[in-house]
Amino acid sequence: MNYTNVQSTSIKAVGYDAAKSILGVIFNHNSEYHYFDVPENHFKGLLSADSVGRYFDRYIKKGGYRYIQIK
């Protein structure tokens, strides 16, 4: 998965696998998570959000998506 760096106090980078609808998130403490069945518009929303952390909390974390920690 290719990642794009973002400006955030909690998130370092985000990536998206469109074929599998997986959102990848690397946090500033270098842990990486994959969120499943996330629509691509949420990835685009993260990239364009005024506050990446707030967008992530509202639409991904509270969205109830299944996830796993990669590292």
PDB file of N, CA and C in Angstrom:
ATOM      1  N   MET A   1       0.850  -1.169   0.000  1.00  0.00           N
ATOM      2  CA  MET A   1       0.000   0.000   0.000  1.00  0.00           C
ATOM      3  C   MET A   1       0.904   1.242   0.000  1.00  0.00           C
ATOM      4  N   ASN A   2       0.583   2.184  -0.850  1.00  0.00           N
ATOM      5  CA  ASN A   2       1.323   3.440  -0.889  1.00  0.00           C
ATOM      6  C   ASN A   2       0.691   4.424   0.084  1.00  0.00           C
ATOM      7  N   TYR A   3       1.540   5.078   0.857  1.00  0.00           N
ATOM      8  CA  TYR A   3       1.070   6.021   1.864  1.00  0.00           C
ATOM      9  C   TYR A   3       1.387   7.459   1.465  1.00  0.00           C
ATOM     10  N   THR A   4       0.523   8.357   1.897  1.00  0.00           N
ATOM     11  CA  THR A   4       0.703   9.789   1.699  1.00  0.00           C
ATOM     12  C   THR A   4       0.820  10.436   3.073  1.00  0.00           C
ATOM     13  N   ASN A   5       1.878  11.209   3.289  1.00  0.00           N
ATOM     14  CA  ASN A   5       2.039  11.910   4.555  1.00  0.00           C
ATOM     15  C   ASN A   5       0.961  12.975   4.706  1.00  0.00           C
ATOM     16  N   VAL A   6       0.498  13.166   5.940  1.00  0.00           N
ATOM     17  CA  VAL A   6      -0.525  14.160   6.236  1.00  0.00           C
ATOM     18  C   VAL A   6      -0.057  15.039   7.398  1.00  0.00           C
ATOM     19  N   GLN A   7      -0.649  16.211   7.503  1.00  0.00           N
ATOM     20  CA  GLN A   7      -0.365  17.118   8.611  1.00  0.00           C
ATOM     21  C   GLN A   7      -1.334  16.834   9.737  1.00  0.00           C
ATOM     22  N   SER A   8      -0.830  16.254  10.819  1.00  0.00           N
ATOM     23  CA  SER A   8      -1.686  15.899  11.944  1.00  0.00           C
ATOM     24  C   SER A   8      -0.822  15.707  13.179  1.00  0.00           C
ATOM     25  N   THR A   9      -1.392  15.981  14.333  1.00  0.00           N
ATOM     26  CA  THR A   9      -0.649  15.741  15.569  1.00  0.00           C
ATOM     27  C   THR A   9      -0.680  14.269  15.976  1.00  0.00           C
ATOM     28  N   SER A  10      -1.568  13.479  15.364  1.00  0.00           N
ATOM     29  CA  SER A  10      -1.677  12.071  15.747  1.00  0.00           C
ATOM     30  C   SER A  10      -1.434  11.085  14.608  1.00  0.00           C
ATOM     31  N   ILE A  11      -1.600  11.518  13.368  1.00  0.00           N
ATOM     32  CA  ILE A  11      -1.486  10.617  12.214  1.00  0.00           C
ATOM     33  C   ILE A  11      -0.354  11.080  11.303  1.00  0.00           C
ATOM     34  N   LYS A  12       0.541  10.140  10.966  1.00  0.00           N
ATOM     35  CA  LYS A  12       1.682  10.451  10.104  1.00  0.00           C
ATOM     36  C   LYS A  12       1.325  10.326   8.620  1.00  0.00           C
ATOM     37  N   ALA A  13       0.614   9.240   8.265  1.00  0.00           N
ATOM     38  CA  ALA A  13       0.347   8.971   6.848  1.00  0.00           C
ATOM     39  C   ALA A  13      -0.885   8.087   6.699  1.00  0.00           C
ATOM     40  N   VAL A  14      -1.520   8.197   5.528  1.00  0.00           N
ATOM     41  CA  VAL A  14      -2.665   7.351   5.199  1.00  0.00           C
ATOM     42  C   VAL A  14      -2.482   6.771   3.805  1.00  0.00           C
ATOM     43  N   GLY A  15      -3.040   5.586   3.594  1.00  0.00           N
ATOM     44  CA  GLY A  15      -2.980   4.933   2.295  1.00  0.00           C
ATOM     45  C   GLY A  15      -4.293   4.212   2.039  1.00  0.00           C
ATOM     46  N   TYR A  16      -4.502   3.823   0.775  1.00  0.00           N
ATOM     47  CA  TYR A  16      -5.759   3.157   0.437  1.00  0.00           C
ATOM     48  C   TYR A  16      -5.527   2.112  -0.639  1.00  0.00           C
ATOM     49  N   ASP A  17      -6.088   0.934  -0.422  1.00  0.00           N
ATOM     50  CA  ASP A  17      -6.097  -0.138  -1.416  1.00  0.00           C
ATOM     51  C   ASP A  17      -7.510  -0.205  -1.967  1.00  0.00           C
ATOM     52  N   ALA A  18      -7.698   0.392  -3.144  1.00  0.00           N
ATOM     53  CA  ALA A  18      -9.038   0.489  -3.738  1.00  0.00           C
ATOM     54  C   ALA A  18      -9.613  -0.874  -4.095  1.00  0.00           C
ATOM     55  N   ALA A  19      -8.769  -1.820  -4.497  1.00  0.00           N
ATOM     56  CA  ALA A  19      -9.250  -3.145  -4.889  1.00  0.00           C
ATOM     57  C   ALA A  19      -9.846  -3.901  -3.702  1.00  0.00           C
ATOM     58  N   LYS A  20      -9.334  -3.632  -2.499  1.00  0.00           N
ATOM     59  CA  LYS A  20      -9.791  -4.343  -1.306  1.00  0.00           C
ATOM     60  C   LYS A  20     -10.555  -3.452  -0.324  1.00  0.00           C
ATOM     61  N   SER A  21     -10.678  -2.163  -0.647  1.00  0.00           N
ATOM     62  CA  SER A  21     -11.347  -1.185   0.239  1.00  0.00           C
ATOM     63  C   SER A  21     -10.733  -1.163   1.635  1.00  0.00           C
ATOM     64  N   ILE A  22      -9.392  -1.155   1.663  1.00  0.00           N
ATOM     65  CA  ILE A  22      -8.668  -1.116   2.926  1.00  0.00           C
ATOM     66  C   ILE A  22      -8.005   0.252   3.086  1.00  0.00           C
ATOM     67  N   LEU A  23      -8.267   0.884   4.207  1.00  0.00           N
ATOM     68  CA  LEU A  23      -7.622   2.138   4.558  1.00  0.00           C
ATOM     69  C   LEU A  23      -6.476   1.827   5.504  1.00  0.00           C
ATOM     70  N   GLY A  24      -5.286   2.289   5.165  1.00  0.00           N
ATOM     71  CA  GLY A  24      -4.134   2.123   6.037  1.00  0.00           C
ATOM     72  C   GLY A  24      -3.830   3.428   6.742  1.00  0.00           C
ATOM     73  N   VAL A  25      -3.521   3.347   8.015  1.00  0.00           N
ATOM     74  CA  VAL A  25      -3.202   4.534   8.806  1.00  0.00           C
ATOM     75  C   VAL A  25      -1.933   4.262   9.606  1.00  0.00           C
ATOM     76  N   ILE A  26      -0.951   5.155   9.470  1.00  0.00           N
ATOM     77  CA  ILE A  26       0.255   5.093  10.292  1.00  0.00           C
ATOM     78  C   ILE A  26       0.186   6.273  11.251  1.00  0.00           C
ATOM     79  N   PHE A  27       0.202   5.953  12.523  1.00  0.00           N
ATOM     80  CA  PHE A  27       0.128   6.987  13.551  1.00  0.00           C
ATOM     81  C   PHE A  27       1.522   7.526  13.854  1.00  0.00           C
ATOM     82  N   ASN A  28       1.589   8.671  14.476  1.00  0.00           N
ATOM     83  CA  ASN A  28       2.874   9.320  14.745  1.00  0.00           C
ATOM     84  C   ASN A  28       3.798   8.491  15.623  1.00  0.00           C
ATOM     85  N   HIS A  29       3.259   7.590  16.428  1.00  0.00           N
ATOM     86  CA  HIS A  29       4.107   6.701  17.236  1.00  0.00           C
ATOM     87  C   HIS A  29       4.480   5.434  16.457  1.00  0.00           C
ATOM     88  N   ASN A  30       4.283   5.471  15.121  1.00  0.00           N
ATOM     89  CA  ASN A  30       4.681   4.427  14.162  1.00  0.00           C
ATOM     90  C   ASN A  30       3.882   3.143  14.202  1.00  0.00           C
ATOM     91  N   SER A  31       2.771   3.107  14.903  1.00  0.00           N
ATOM     92  CA  SER A  31       1.912   1.935  14.787  1.00  0.00           C
ATOM     93  C   SER A  31       1.098   2.065  13.499  1.00  0.00           C
ATOM     94  N   GLU A  32       0.813   0.935  12.882  1.00  0.00           N
ATOM     95  CA  GLU A  32       0.081   0.910  11.610  1.00  0.00           C
ATOM     96  C   GLU A  32      -1.163   0.049  11.767  1.00  0.00           C
ATOM     97  N   TYR A  33      -2.278   0.561  11.278  1.00  0.00           N
ATOM     98  CA  TYR A  33      -3.548  -0.153  11.330  1.00  0.00           C
ATOM     99  C   TYR A  33      -4.157  -0.204   9.937  1.00  0.00           C
ATOM    100  N   HIS A  34      -4.880  -1.278   9.665  1.00  0.00           N
ATOM    101  CA  HIS A  34      -5.674  -1.402   8.442  1.00  0.00           C
ATOM    102  C   HIS A  34      -7.149  -1.491   8.827  1.00  0.00           C
ATOM    103  N   TYR A  35      -7.952  -0.668   8.179  1.00  0.00           N
ATOM    104  CA  TYR A  35      -9.400  -0.613   8.410  1.00  0.00           C
ATOM    105  C   TYR A  35     -10.087  -1.166   7.170  1.00  0.00           C
ATOM    106  N   PHE A  36     -11.034  -2.085   7.368  1.00  0.00           N
ATOM    107  CA  PHE A  36     -11.635  -2.829   6.264  1.00  0.00           C
ATOM    108  C   PHE A  36     -12.987  -2.272   5.839  1.00  0.00           C
ATOM    109  N   ASP A  37     -13.267  -2.428   4.541  1.00  0.00           N
ATOM    110  CA  ASP A  37     -14.543  -2.025   3.928  1.00  0.00           C
ATOM    111  C   ASP A  37     -14.809  -0.523   4.059  1.00  0.00           C
ATOM    112  N   VAL A  38     -13.744   0.251   3.999  1.00  0.00           N
ATOM    113  CA  VAL A  38     -13.861   1.707   4.088  1.00  0.00           C
ATOM    114  C   VAL A  38     -14.052   2.267   2.670  1.00  0.00           C
ATOM    115  N   PRO A  39     -15.093   3.052   2.434  1.00  0.00           N
ATOM    116  CA  PRO A  39     -15.293   3.647   1.108  1.00  0.00           C
ATOM    117  C   PRO A  39     -14.144   4.609   0.762  1.00  0.00           C
ATOM    118  N   GLU A  40     -13.820   4.676  -0.510  1.00  0.00           N
ATOM    119  CA  GLU A  40     -12.710   5.512  -0.963  1.00  0.00           C
ATOM    120  C   GLU A  40     -12.931   6.986  -0.638  1.00  0.00           C
ATOM    121  N   ASN A  41     -14.186   7.408  -0.563  1.00  0.00           N
ATOM    122  CA  ASN A  41     -14.438   8.815  -0.255  1.00  0.00           C
ATOM    123  C   ASN A  41     -13.917   9.191   1.132  1.00  0.00           C
ATOM    124  N   HIS A  42     -13.824   8.235   2.057  1.00  0.00           N
ATOM    125  CA  HIS A  42     -13.255   8.533   3.373  1.00  0.00           C
ATOM    126  C   HIS A  42     -11.733   8.728   3.286  1.00  0.00           C
ATOM    127  N   PHE A  43     -11.077   7.982   2.424  1.00  0.00           N
ATOM    128  CA  PHE A  43      -9.645   8.204   2.198  1.00  0.00           C
ATOM    129  C   PHE A  43      -9.428   9.608   1.628  1.00  0.00           C
ATOM    130  N   LYS A  44     -10.202   9.956   0.625  1.00  0.00           N
ATOM    131  CA  LYS A  44     -10.087  11.290   0.024  1.00  0.00           C
ATOM    132  C   LYS A  44     -10.436  12.369   1.043  1.00  0.00           C
ATOM    133  N   GLY A  45     -11.410  12.082   1.905  1.00  0.00           N
ATOM    134  CA  GLY A  45     -11.782  13.016   2.950  1.00  0.00           C
ATOM    135  C   GLY A  45     -10.643  13.262   3.927  1.00  0.00           C
ATOM    136  N   LEU A  46      -9.920  12.196   4.278  1.00  0.00           N
ATOM    137  CA  LEU A  46      -8.765  12.354   5.165  1.00  0.00           C
ATOM    138  C   LEU A  46      -7.704  13.248   4.526  1.00  0.00           C
ATOM    139  N   LEU A  47      -7.468  13.041   3.234  1.00  0.00           N
ATOM    140  CA  LEU A  47      -6.440  13.819   2.542  1.00  0.00           C
ATOM    141  C   LEU A  47      -6.788  15.300   2.446  1.00  0.00           C
ATOM    142  N   SER A  48      -8.070  15.619   2.408  1.00  0.00           N
ATOM    143  CA  SER A  48      -8.474  17.009   2.223  1.00  0.00           C
ATOM    144  C   SER A  48      -9.023  17.669   3.486  1.00  0.00           C
ATOM    145  N   ALA A  49      -9.057  16.951   4.584  1.00  0.00           N
ATOM    146  CA  ALA A  49      -9.655  17.473   5.818  1.00  0.00           C
ATOM    147  C   ALA A  49      -8.818  18.599   6.421  1.00  0.00           C
ATOM    148  N   ASP A  50      -9.497  19.583   6.989  1.00  0.00           N
ATOM    149  CA  ASP A  50      -8.811  20.633   7.739  1.00  0.00           C
ATOM    150  C   ASP A  50      -8.137  20.039   8.969  1.00  0.00           C
ATOM    151  N   SER A  51      -8.790  19.072   9.587  1.00  0.00           N
ATOM    152  CA  SER A  51      -8.224  18.362  10.735  1.00  0.00           C
ATOM    153  C   SER A  51      -8.299  16.869  10.453  1.00  0.00           C
ATOM    154  N   VAL A  52      -7.166  16.276  10.114  1.00  0.00           N
ATOM    155  CA  VAL A  52      -7.116  14.846   9.793  1.00  0.00           C
ATOM    156  C   VAL A  52      -7.552  14.017  10.997  1.00  0.00           C
ATOM    157  N   GLY A  53      -7.069  14.377  12.171  1.00  0.00           N
ATOM    158  CA  GLY A  53      -7.414  13.638  13.379  1.00  0.00           C
ATOM    159  C   GLY A  53      -8.898  13.673  13.684  1.00  0.00           C
ATOM    160  N   ARG A  54      -9.501  14.841  13.530  1.00  0.00           N
ATOM    161  CA  ARG A  54     -10.943  14.969  13.794  1.00  0.00           C
ATOM    162  C   ARG A  54     -11.740  14.171  12.767  1.00  0.00           C
ATOM    163  N   TYR A  55     -11.344  14.237  11.495  1.00  0.00           N
ATOM    164  CA  TYR A  55     -12.033  13.467  10.446  1.00  0.00           C
ATOM    165  C   TYR A  55     -11.911  11.972  10.739  1.00  0.00           C
ATOM    166  N   PHE A  56     -10.698  11.533  11.079  1.00  0.00           N
ATOM    167  CA  PHE A  56     -10.476  10.124  11.388  1.00  0.00           C
ATOM    168  C   PHE A  56     -11.366   9.675  12.546  1.00  0.00           C
ATOM    169  N   ASP A  57     -11.406  10.463  13.603  1.00  0.00           N
ATOM    170  CA  ASP A  57     -12.215  10.109  14.769  1.00  0.00           C
ATOM    171  C   ASP A  57     -13.695  10.010  14.400  1.00  0.00           C
ATOM    172  N   ARG A  58     -14.188  10.990  13.679  1.00  0.00           N
ATOM    173  CA  ARG A  58     -15.618  11.063  13.366  1.00  0.00           C
ATOM    174  C   ARG A  58     -16.070   9.988  12.376  1.00  0.00           C
ATOM    175  N   TYR A  59     -15.295   9.782  11.317  1.00  0.00           N
ATOM    176  CA  TYR A  59     -15.777   8.914  10.233  1.00  0.00           C
ATOM    177  C   TYR A  59     -15.172   7.509  10.204  1.00  0.00           C
ATOM    178  N   ILE A  60     -13.995   7.347  10.747  1.00  0.00           N
ATOM    179  CA  ILE A  60     -13.361   6.022  10.712  1.00  0.00           C
ATOM    180  C   ILE A  60     -13.493   5.340  12.071  1.00  0.00           C
ATOM    181  N   LYS A  61     -12.930   5.961  13.093  1.00  0.00           N
ATOM    182  CA  LYS A  61     -12.959   5.358  14.427  1.00  0.00           C
ATOM    183  C   LYS A  61     -14.386   5.132  14.911  1.00  0.00           C
ATOM    184  N   LYS A  62     -15.211   6.152  14.838  1.00  0.00           N
ATOM    185  CA  LYS A  62     -16.600   6.020  15.283  1.00  0.00           C
ATOM    186  C   LYS A  62     -17.500   5.407  14.215  1.00  0.00           C
ATOM    187  N   GLY A  63     -16.940   5.131  13.029  1.00  0.00           N
ATOM    188  CA  GLY A  63     -17.702   4.524  11.941  1.00  0.00           C
ATOM    189  C   GLY A  63     -17.891   3.028  12.116  1.00  0.00           C
ATOM    190  N   GLY A  64     -17.163   2.446  13.064  1.00  0.00           N
ATOM    191  CA  GLY A  64     -17.349   1.030  13.367  1.00  0.00           C
ATOM    192  C   GLY A  64     -16.672   0.072  12.405  1.00  0.00           C
ATOM    193  N   TYR A  65     -15.677   0.543  11.666  1.00  0.00           N
ATOM    194  CA  TYR A  65     -15.003  -0.333  10.721  1.00  0.00           C
ATOM    195  C   TYR A  65     -14.125  -1.349  11.454  1.00  0.00           C
ATOM    196  N   ARG A  66     -14.127  -2.564  10.928  1.00  0.00           N
ATOM    197  CA  ARG A  66     -13.274  -3.619  11.438  1.00  0.00           C
ATOM    198  C   ARG A  66     -11.820  -3.240  11.154  1.00  0.00           C
ATOM    199  N   TYR A  67     -10.910  -3.546  12.069  1.00  0.00           N
ATOM    200  CA  TYR A  67      -9.510  -3.174  11.858  1.00  0.00           C
ATOM    201  C   TYR A  67      -8.570  -4.175  12.516  1.00  0.00           C
ATOM    202  N   ILE A  68      -7.319  -4.134  12.073  1.00  0.00           N
ATOM    203  CA  ILE A  68      -6.268  -4.911  12.705  1.00  0.00           C
ATOM    204  C   ILE A  68      -5.020  -4.030  12.811  1.00  0.00           C
ATOM    205  N   GLN A  69      -4.206  -4.332  13.824  1.00  0.00           N
ATOM    206  CA  GLN A  69      -2.931  -3.642  13.961  1.00  0.00           C
ATOM    207  C   GLN A  69      -1.891  -4.426  13.174  1.00  0.00           C
ATOM    208  N   ILE A  70      -1.176  -3.729  12.301  1.00  0.00           N
ATOM    209  CA  ILE A  70      -0.159  -4.356  11.462  1.00  0.00           C
ATOM    210  C   ILE A  70       1.188  -4.350  12.178  1.00  0.00           C
ATOM    211  N   LYS A  71       1.510  -3.197  12.769  1.00  0.00           N
ATOM    212  CA  LYS A  71       2.755  -3.100  13.557  1.00  0.00           C
ATOM    213  C   LYS A  71       2.621  -2.035  14.606  1.00  0.00           C
TER     214      LYS A  71
END
